[in-house]
Protein backbone atom coordinates (compact mmCIF):
# COMPACT_ATOMS: atom_id res chain seq x y z
CA UNK A 1 136.23 80.01 52.96
CA UNK A 2 137.73 78.35 49.95
CA UNK A 3 141.49 77.78 50.21
CA UNK A 4 143.93 75.99 47.94
CA UNK A 5 146.95 74.17 49.30
CA UNK A 6 149.19 73.24 46.37
CA UNK A 7 152.18 70.91 46.74
CA UNK A 8 154.20 73.07 44.38
CA UNK A 9 153.00 76.59 45.18
CA UNK A 10 152.07 76.15 48.83
CA UNK A 11 149.06 78.07 50.14
CA UNK A 12 147.40 80.00 47.30
CA UNK A 13 144.94 82.73 48.29
CA UNK A 14 141.49 83.00 46.68
CA UNK A 15 142.56 86.45 45.48
CA UNK A 16 145.03 84.65 43.22
CA UNK A 17 143.18 81.56 42.00
CA UNK A 18 139.59 82.88 41.71
CA UNK A 19 140.48 85.39 38.93
CA UNK A 20 142.29 82.59 37.06
CA UNK A 21 139.24 80.32 37.42
CA UNK A 22 137.02 83.14 36.16
CA UNK A 23 139.31 83.87 33.21
CA UNK A 24 139.48 80.27 32.02
CA UNK A 25 135.80 79.45 32.60
CA UNK A 26 136.43 76.99 35.43
CA UNK A 27 134.59 79.19 37.92
CA UNK A 28 131.21 77.57 37.26
CA UNK A 29 132.53 74.08 38.12
CA UNK A 30 134.45 75.46 41.08
CA UNK A 31 131.37 77.33 42.30
CA UNK A 32 129.21 74.22 42.02
CA UNK A 33 131.82 72.24 43.98
CA UNK A 34 131.85 74.91 46.70
CA UNK A 35 128.05 75.04 46.93
CA UNK A 36 127.77 71.24 47.07
CA UNK A 37 130.56 70.99 49.67
CA UNK A 38 129.03 73.76 51.81
CA UNK A 39 125.57 72.14 51.67
CA UNK A 40 127.01 68.72 52.53
CA UNK A 41 128.89 70.11 55.52
CA UNK A 42 125.83 72.08 56.59
CA UNK A 43 123.76 68.87 56.54
CA UNK A 44 126.30 67.20 58.87
CA UNK A 45 126.05 70.11 61.31
CA UNK A 46 122.26 70.12 61.16
CA UNK A 47 122.22 66.38 61.82
CA UNK A 48 124.32 67.04 64.95
CA UNK A 49 121.68 69.48 66.17
CA UNK A 50 123.25 72.79 65.16
CA UNK A 51 120.87 75.38 63.75
CA UNK A 52 123.08 77.57 61.60
CA UNK A 53 123.12 79.18 58.19
CA UNK A 54 125.99 78.95 55.72
CA UNK A 55 126.86 81.71 53.26
CA UNK A 56 128.16 80.87 49.80
CA UNK A 57 129.56 83.45 47.40
CA UNK A 58 128.38 83.19 43.81
CA UNK A 59 130.20 84.20 40.66
CA UNK A 60 128.79 86.06 37.69
CA UNK A 61 129.57 82.96 35.62
CA UNK A 62 127.26 80.86 37.79
CA UNK A 63 124.47 83.43 37.71
CA UNK A 64 124.69 83.66 33.93
CA UNK A 65 124.10 79.93 33.51
CA UNK A 66 120.49 79.45 32.38
CA UNK A 67 120.15 76.28 34.49
CA UNK A 68 121.83 77.66 37.62
CA UNK A 69 118.65 77.95 39.74
CA UNK A 70 117.85 74.33 38.89
CA UNK A 71 121.39 73.27 39.88
CA UNK A 72 120.94 74.97 43.24
CA UNK A 73 117.59 73.22 43.77
CA UNK A 74 119.18 69.90 42.84
CA UNK A 75 122.08 70.35 45.30
CA UNK A 76 119.69 71.31 48.08
CA UNK A 77 117.47 68.35 47.31
CA UNK A 78 120.41 65.93 47.24
CA UNK A 79 121.91 67.20 50.48
CA UNK A 80 118.51 67.61 52.18
CA UNK A 81 119.36 70.95 53.79
CA UNK A 82 116.55 73.41 54.44
CA UNK A 83 116.45 76.17 51.85
CA UNK A 84 116.51 78.84 54.56
CA UNK A 85 119.76 77.46 55.97
CA UNK A 86 121.63 78.84 52.95
CA UNK A 87 122.50 82.43 52.17
CA UNK A 88 123.75 83.09 48.66
CA UNK A 89 125.98 86.12 48.26
CA UNK A 90 126.30 88.32 45.19
CA UNK A 91 128.45 91.41 44.87
CA UNK A 92 127.06 94.83 44.16
CA UNK A 93 128.87 94.87 40.80
CA UNK A 94 127.33 91.52 39.85
CA UNK A 95 123.88 92.79 40.73
CA UNK A 96 124.27 95.72 38.38
CA UNK A 97 125.75 93.67 35.53
CA UNK A 98 122.30 92.61 34.28
CA UNK A 99 119.67 93.82 36.73
CA UNK A 100 116.79 92.06 34.97
CA UNK A 101 118.53 88.67 34.94
CA UNK A 102 119.66 89.21 38.53
CA UNK A 103 116.11 90.02 39.63
CA UNK A 104 114.79 86.89 37.92
CA UNK A 105 117.40 84.56 39.45
CA UNK A 106 117.35 86.08 42.94
CA UNK A 107 113.54 86.12 43.04
CA UNK A 108 113.60 82.44 42.12
CA UNK A 109 115.90 81.73 45.08
CA UNK A 110 113.95 84.01 47.37
CA UNK A 111 110.68 82.23 46.55
CA UNK A 112 112.33 78.98 47.66
CA UNK A 113 113.29 80.54 50.99
CA UNK A 114 116.99 80.97 50.23
CA UNK A 115 118.43 84.12 51.82
CA UNK A 116 120.32 86.62 49.65
CA UNK A 117 123.24 88.82 50.73
CA UNK A 118 124.66 91.79 48.85
CA UNK A 119 128.41 91.52 49.39
CA UNK A 120 130.99 94.33 49.12
CA UNK A 121 128.23 96.91 49.51
CA UNK A 122 129.45 100.42 48.80
CA UNK A 123 132.16 99.49 46.30
CA UNK A 124 130.09 99.10 43.14
CA UNK A 125 128.81 101.61 40.63
CA UNK A 126 125.18 101.11 41.44
CA UNK A 127 122.03 103.06 41.91
CA UNK A 128 120.41 102.52 45.28
CA UNK A 129 117.12 101.86 43.50
CA UNK A 130 118.11 98.23 42.97
CA UNK A 131 117.75 97.69 46.73
CA UNK A 132 114.00 98.10 46.25
CA UNK A 133 113.98 95.82 43.18
CA UNK A 134 116.01 92.85 44.42
CA UNK A 135 115.10 90.49 47.26
CA UNK A 136 118.08 91.30 49.49
CA UNK A 137 118.12 90.06 53.09
CA UNK A 138 121.58 91.25 54.12
CA UNK A 139 123.87 94.15 53.21
CA UNK A 140 127.54 93.40 53.84
CA UNK A 141 129.50 96.62 54.22
CA UNK A 142 132.85 96.28 52.50
CA UNK A 143 135.96 95.92 54.65
CA UNK A 144 137.53 99.02 53.10
CA UNK A 145 135.03 101.19 55.00
CA UNK A 146 135.40 99.26 58.23
CA UNK A 147 139.20 99.60 58.18
CA UNK A 148 138.85 103.39 58.29
CA UNK A 149 136.28 103.69 61.08
CA UNK A 150 137.72 105.84 63.82
CA UNK A 151 140.39 107.24 61.53
CA UNK A 152 138.17 108.74 58.83
CA UNK A 153 134.90 110.51 59.63
CA UNK A 154 133.58 109.97 56.10
CA UNK A 155 133.98 106.19 56.41
CA UNK A 156 132.27 106.23 59.80
CA UNK A 157 129.44 108.35 58.40
CA UNK A 158 129.11 106.04 55.39
CA UNK A 159 128.77 103.00 57.63
CA UNK A 160 126.09 104.81 59.66
CA UNK A 161 124.27 105.69 56.44
CA UNK A 162 124.36 102.08 55.22
CA UNK A 163 122.96 100.90 58.54
CA UNK A 164 120.11 103.39 58.08
CA UNK A 165 119.56 102.18 54.51
CA UNK A 166 119.44 98.63 55.85
CA UNK A 167 116.73 99.60 58.32
CA UNK A 168 114.73 101.41 55.63
CA UNK A 169 114.92 98.47 53.22
CA UNK A 170 114.34 95.93 56.00
CA UNK A 171 117.74 94.32 55.43
CA UNK A 172 120.13 93.13 58.06
CA UNK A 173 123.54 94.80 57.92
CA UNK A 174 126.89 93.11 58.53
CA UNK A 175 130.34 94.67 58.67
CA UNK A 176 133.15 92.72 57.07
CA UNK A 177 136.64 92.73 58.45
CA UNK A 178 136.09 94.02 61.99
CA UNK A 179 139.45 93.31 63.58
CA UNK A 180 139.63 95.76 66.46
CA UNK A 181 137.62 96.39 69.61
CA UNK A 182 137.10 100.07 68.67
């Protein structure tokens, strides 16, 4: 997870600096740095014999760059990590921003063997039909639903429904923010 430790401000959460980076257009450079750093670290782990996958969140700014798929290919080539050792994450809202562009970019990644996760699932304003149109490997149920499991029947039922949707669409399902044993 990306963190910023500033000498003046101390520890600054991504919730604070990511929106600033998006607003001033720095998010594409920051995103490229994160992807390159994650791939470099992944290569070190692979060289030590670990067989893991690393997830990297993408921004809408990155996805809107015409040369973004080529940048991803270049980073993977330079770091020599297997394509299938990366999972790129997009949010549900990003997916619906421009479904045709999203399909084109994600299909490009999918054809290379890169895994795709749909992050914050259940919080966007989307039609479920895009799950049949995009090459999604993983649905990540948003933490807001997980926090209410056990306390709110609707949240529990929603999580069960998403798990069923995952099975139907042949996607894995992951719950974010599980912090209790319940």
